[in-house]
Amino acid sequence: MKIIDDAEIERLVRHVFPRKRAFSAATDLHLNAHRPVVTFIHGGPDPFLDQQFESWLEGSTIFVSAYQLLNQLCRAGALPPGGYAVTRRQFGRYTSIGA
Protein backbone atom coordinates (compact mmCIF):
# COMPACT_ATOMS: atom_id res chain seq x y z
CA MET A 1 0.00 0.00 0.00
CA LYS A 2 1.23 3.47 -0.88
CA ILE A 3 0.68 6.42 1.44
CA ILE A 4 -0.20 9.76 -0.14
CA ASP A 5 -1.00 12.92 1.78
CA ASP A 6 -3.47 15.70 1.06
CA ALA A 7 -0.77 18.16 -0.06
CA GLU A 8 0.51 15.74 -2.70
CA ILE A 9 -3.01 15.08 -3.99
CA GLU A 10 -3.64 18.82 -4.25
CA ARG A 11 -0.40 19.25 -6.21
CA LEU A 12 -1.34 16.43 -8.59
CA VAL A 13 -4.88 17.76 -9.10
CA ARG A 14 -3.58 21.26 -9.95
CA HIS A 15 -1.08 19.77 -12.40
CA VAL A 16 -3.30 17.15 -14.08
CA PHE A 17 -6.65 18.99 -13.94
CA PRO A 18 -5.78 22.71 -14.19
CA ARG A 19 -9.45 23.69 -14.65
CA LYS A 20 -10.15 22.47 -11.08
CA ARG A 21 -8.74 25.53 -9.32
CA ALA A 22 -10.56 25.42 -5.99
CA PHE A 23 -9.68 22.06 -4.47
CA SER A 24 -8.82 21.09 -0.92
CA ALA A 25 -8.12 17.39 -0.45
CA ALA A 26 -8.80 17.56 3.28
CA THR A 27 -12.19 19.23 2.78
CA ASP A 28 -13.34 17.73 -0.52
CA LEU A 29 -12.35 14.15 0.39
CA HIS A 30 -13.44 14.52 4.03
CA LEU A 31 -10.05 13.42 5.35
CA ASN A 32 -9.68 12.78 9.05
CA ALA A 33 -6.27 13.33 10.69
CA HIS A 34 -6.64 10.10 12.67
CA ARG A 35 -8.04 7.74 10.05
CA PRO A 36 -6.83 7.50 6.44
CA VAL A 37 -9.10 6.83 3.48
CA VAL A 38 -8.07 3.50 1.94
CA THR A 39 -8.82 2.62 -1.67
CA PHE A 40 -7.58 0.43 -4.52
CA ILE A 41 -7.30 2.02 -7.97
CA HIS A 42 -6.93 0.27 -11.31
CA GLY A 43 -6.75 3.16 -13.77
CA GLY A 44 -9.45 1.76 -16.01
CA PRO A 45 -12.67 3.43 -17.12
CA ASP A 46 -15.73 3.42 -14.91
CA PRO A 47 -18.68 4.60 -17.05
CA PHE A 48 -20.95 5.34 -14.10
CA LEU A 49 -18.40 7.37 -12.14
CA ASP A 50 -16.59 9.00 -15.07
CA GLN A 51 -19.61 11.19 -15.89
CA GLN A 52 -19.87 12.36 -12.28
CA PHE A 53 -16.14 13.11 -12.25
CA GLU A 54 -16.46 15.28 -15.36
CA SER A 55 -19.33 17.14 -13.70
CA TRP A 56 -17.13 17.67 -10.65
CA LEU A 57 -14.35 19.11 -12.80
CA GLU A 58 -16.87 21.54 -14.31
CA GLY A 59 -18.15 22.52 -10.86
CA SER A 60 -21.71 21.22 -11.17
CA THR A 61 -21.16 18.27 -8.79
CA ILE A 62 -19.85 19.11 -5.34
CA PHE A 63 -18.60 15.68 -4.26
CA VAL A 64 -16.09 13.22 -5.64
CA SER A 65 -14.80 10.18 -3.79
CA ALA A 66 -11.13 9.48 -3.12
CA TYR A 67 -11.45 6.42 -5.37
CA GLN A 68 -12.80 8.47 -8.26
CA LEU A 69 -10.11 11.13 -7.94
CA LEU A 70 -7.17 8.75 -7.53
CA ASN A 71 -8.43 6.49 -10.33
CA GLN A 72 -8.61 9.49 -12.69
CA LEU A 73 -5.09 10.53 -11.64
CA CYS A 74 -4.01 6.97 -12.43
CA ARG A 75 -5.70 7.09 -15.85
CA ALA A 76 -3.83 10.34 -16.54
CA GLY A 77 -0.52 8.65 -15.69
CA ALA A 78 0.11 10.62 -12.48
CA LEU A 79 -0.24 7.59 -10.16
CA PRO A 80 0.44 3.89 -10.66
CA PRO A 81 -2.38 1.38 -10.02
CA GLY A 82 -2.56 -0.18 -6.58
CA GLY A 83 -3.67 0.35 -3.02
CA TYR A 84 -3.52 3.80 -1.42
CA ALA A 85 -3.99 5.25 2.03
CA VAL A 86 -4.86 8.94 1.76
CA THR A 87 -3.88 10.92 4.86
CA ARG A 88 -3.76 14.44 6.17
CA ARG A 89 -0.25 15.86 6.23
CA GLN A 90 1.29 15.35 9.64
CA PHE A 91 3.58 18.22 10.59
CA GLY A 92 7.00 16.92 11.49
CA ARG A 93 6.39 13.70 9.55
CA TYR A 94 7.19 13.02 5.94
CA THR A 95 4.99 10.80 3.83
CA SER A 96 5.48 9.91 0.21
CA ILE A 97 3.84 8.10 -2.65
CA GLY A 98 6.62 5.51 -2.78
CA ALA A 99 6.22 2.46 -0.60
C-alpha atoms as a PDB file:
ATOM      1  CA  MET A   1       0.000   0.000   0.000  1.00  0.00           C
ATOM      2  CA  LYS A   2       1.231   3.467  -0.879  1.00  0.00           C
ATOM      3  CA  ILE A   3       0.681   6.423   1.438  1.00  0.00           C
ATOM      4  CA  ILE A   4      -0.200   9.757  -0.139  1.00  0.00           C
ATOM      5  CA  ASP A   5      -1.001  12.917   1.785  1.00  0.00           C
ATOM      6  CA  ASP A   6      -3.466  15.697   1.063  1.00  0.00           C
ATOM      7  CA  ALA A   7      -0.771  18.160  -0.060  1.00  0.00           C
ATOM      8  CA  GLU A   8       0.506  15.737  -2.703  1.00  0.00           C
ATOM      9  CA  ILE A   9      -3.014  15.077  -3.993  1.00  0.00           C
ATOM     10  CA  GLU A  10      -3.640  18.821  -4.249  1.00  0.00           C
ATOM     11  CA  ARG A  11      -0.400  19.251  -6.206  1.00  0.00           C
ATOM     12  CA  LEU A  12      -1.339  16.430  -8.588  1.00  0.00           C
ATOM     13  CA  VAL A  13      -4.880  17.758  -9.103  1.00  0.00           C
ATOM     14  CA  ARG A  14      -3.576  21.256  -9.946  1.00  0.00           C
ATOM     15  CA  HIS A  15      -1.082  19.772 -12.401  1.00  0.00           C
ATOM     16  CA  VAL A  16      -3.300  17.147 -14.080  1.00  0.00           C
ATOM     17  CA  PHE A  17      -6.646  18.992 -13.938  1.00  0.00           C
ATOM     18  CA  PRO A  18      -5.784  22.710 -14.190  1.00  0.00           C
ATOM     19  CA  ARG A  19      -9.454  23.688 -14.653  1.00  0.00           C
ATOM     20  CA  LYS A  20     -10.147  22.469 -11.078  1.00  0.00           C
ATOM     21  CA  ARG A  21      -8.739  25.526  -9.318  1.00  0.00           C
ATOM     22  CA  ALA A  22     -10.562  25.417  -5.992  1.00  0.00           C
ATOM     23  CA  PHE A  23      -9.676  22.058  -4.470  1.00  0.00           C
ATOM     24  CA  SER A  24      -8.819  21.086  -0.917  1.00  0.00           C
ATOM     25  CA  ALA A  25      -8.121  17.392  -0.452  1.00  0.00           C
ATOM     26  CA  ALA A  26      -8.802  17.563   3.276  1.00  0.00           C
ATOM     27  CA  THR A  27     -12.187  19.227   2.784  1.00  0.00           C
ATOM     28  CA  ASP A  28     -13.337  17.730  -0.523  1.00  0.00           C
ATOM     29  CA  LEU A  29     -12.350  14.155   0.389  1.00  0.00           C
ATOM     30  CA  HIS A  30     -13.442  14.517   4.034  1.00  0.00           C
ATOM     31  CA  LEU A  31     -10.055  13.423   5.346  1.00  0.00           C
ATOM     32  CA  ASN A  32      -9.677  12.779   9.051  1.00  0.00           C
ATOM     33  CA  ALA A  33      -6.267  13.327  10.691  1.00  0.00           C
ATOM     34  CA  HIS A  34      -6.641  10.104  12.673  1.00  0.00           C
ATOM     35  CA  ARG A  35      -8.036   7.744  10.046  1.00  0.00           C
ATOM     36  CA  PRO A  36      -6.831   7.496   6.440  1.00  0.00           C
ATOM     37  CA  VAL A  37      -9.096   6.825   3.478  1.00  0.00           C
ATOM     38  CA  VAL A  38      -8.071   3.498   1.942  1.00  0.00           C
ATOM     39  CA  THR A  39      -8.816   2.621  -1.666  1.00  0.00           C
ATOM     40  CA  PHE A  40      -7.584   0.432  -4.521  1.00  0.00           C
ATOM     41  CA  ILE A  41      -7.305   2.016  -7.970  1.00  0.00           C
ATOM     42  CA  HIS A  42      -6.930   0.270 -11.310  1.00  0.00           C
ATOM     43  CA  GLY A  43      -6.748   3.159 -13.771  1.00  0.00           C
ATOM     44  CA  GLY A  44      -9.451   1.760 -16.015  1.00  0.00           C
ATOM     45  CA  PRO A  45     -12.672   3.426 -17.118  1.00  0.00           C
ATOM     46  CA  ASP A  46     -15.730   3.416 -14.911  1.00  0.00           C
ATOM     47  CA  PRO A  47     -18.680   4.598 -17.049  1.00  0.00           C
ATOM     48  CA  PHE A  48     -20.954   5.336 -14.100  1.00  0.00           C
ATOM     49  CA  LEU A  49     -18.399   7.366 -12.137  1.00  0.00           C
ATOM     50  CA  ASP A  50     -16.594   9.002 -15.070  1.00  0.00           C
ATOM     51  CA  GLN A  51     -19.606  11.186 -15.892  1.00  0.00           C
ATOM     52  CA  GLN A  52     -19.875  12.361 -12.278  1.00  0.00           C
ATOM     53  CA  PHE A  53     -16.136  13.107 -12.250  1.00  0.00           C
ATOM     54  CA  GLU A  54     -16.455  15.279 -15.363  1.00  0.00           C
ATOM     55  CA  SER A  55     -19.332  17.143 -13.705  1.00  0.00           C
ATOM     56  CA  TRP A  56     -17.126  17.668 -10.646  1.00  0.00           C
ATOM     57  CA  LEU A  57     -14.353  19.114 -12.805  1.00  0.00           C
ATOM     58  CA  GLU A  58     -16.868  21.544 -14.311  1.00  0.00           C
ATOM     59  CA  GLY A  59     -18.150  22.520 -10.857  1.00  0.00           C
ATOM     60  CA  SER A  60     -21.705  21.223 -11.173  1.00  0.00           C
ATOM     61  CA  THR A  61     -21.157  18.273  -8.790  1.00  0.00           C
ATOM     62  CA  ILE A  62     -19.849  19.113  -5.343  1.00  0.00           C
ATOM     63  CA  PHE A  63     -18.604  15.677  -4.261  1.00  0.00           C
ATOM     64  CA  VAL A  64     -16.093  13.219  -5.642  1.00  0.00           C
ATOM     65  CA  SER A  65     -14.799  10.178  -3.786  1.00  0.00           C
ATOM     66  CA  ALA A  66     -11.130   9.479  -3.122  1.00  0.00           C
ATOM     67  CA  TYR A  67     -11.452   6.416  -5.366  1.00  0.00           C
ATOM     68  CA  GLN A  68     -12.800   8.468  -8.260  1.00  0.00           C
ATOM     69  CA  LEU A  69     -10.107  11.130  -7.945  1.00  0.00           C
ATOM     70  CA  LEU A  70      -7.173   8.746  -7.534  1.00  0.00           C
ATOM     71  CA  ASN A  71      -8.431   6.493 -10.330  1.00  0.00           C
ATOM     72  CA  GLN A  72      -8.611   9.488 -12.685  1.00  0.00           C
ATOM     73  CA  LEU A  73      -5.089  10.528 -11.635  1.00  0.00           C
ATOM     74  CA  CYS A  74      -4.012   6.967 -12.428  1.00  0.00           C
ATOM     75  CA  ARG A  75      -5.703   7.093 -15.846  1.00  0.00           C
ATOM     76  CA  ALA A  76      -3.834  10.337 -16.545  1.00  0.00           C
ATOM     77  CA  GLY A  77      -0.515   8.647 -15.685  1.00  0.00           C
ATOM     78  CA  ALA A  78       0.107  10.621 -12.476  1.00  0.00           C
ATOM     79  CA  LEU A  79      -0.239   7.595 -10.157  1.00  0.00           C
ATOM     80  CA  PRO A  80       0.439   3.886 -10.657  1.00  0.00           C
ATOM     81  CA  PRO A  81      -2.384   1.381 -10.022  1.00  0.00           C
ATOM     82  CA  GLY A  82      -2.561  -0.182  -6.580  1.00  0.00           C
ATOM     83  CA  GLY A  83      -3.671   0.349  -3.019  1.00  0.00           C
ATOM     84  CA  TYR A  84      -3.516   3.803  -1.418  1.00  0.00           C
ATOM     85  CA  ALA A  85      -3.987   5.252   2.029  1.00  0.00           C
ATOM     86  CA  VAL A  86      -4.865   8.938   1.761  1.00  0.00           C
ATOM     87  CA  THR A  87      -3.883  10.915   4.863  1.00  0.00           C
ATOM     88  CA  ARG A  88      -3.758  14.445   6.172  1.00  0.00           C
ATOM     89  CA  ARG A  89      -0.252  15.858   6.233  1.00  0.00           C
ATOM     90  CA  GLN A  90       1.293  15.350   9.645  1.00  0.00           C
ATOM     91  CA  PHE A  91       3.583  18.222  10.591  1.00  0.00           C
ATOM     92  CA  GLY A  92       7.000  16.924  11.494  1.00  0.00           C
ATOM     93  CA  ARG A  93       6.388  13.699   9.545  1.00  0.00           C
ATOM     94  CA  TYR A  94       7.193  13.024   5.940  1.00  0.00           C
ATOM     95  CA  THR A  95       4.985  10.798   3.826  1.00  0.00           C
ATOM     96  CA  SER A  96       5.482   9.913   0.206  1.00  0.00           C
ATOM     97  CA  ILE A  97       3.841   8.098  -2.645  1.00  0.00           C
ATOM     98  CA  GLY A  98       6.619   5.507  -2.779  1.00  0.00           C
ATOM     99  CA  ALA A  99       6.215   2.459  -0.596  1.00  0.00           C
END
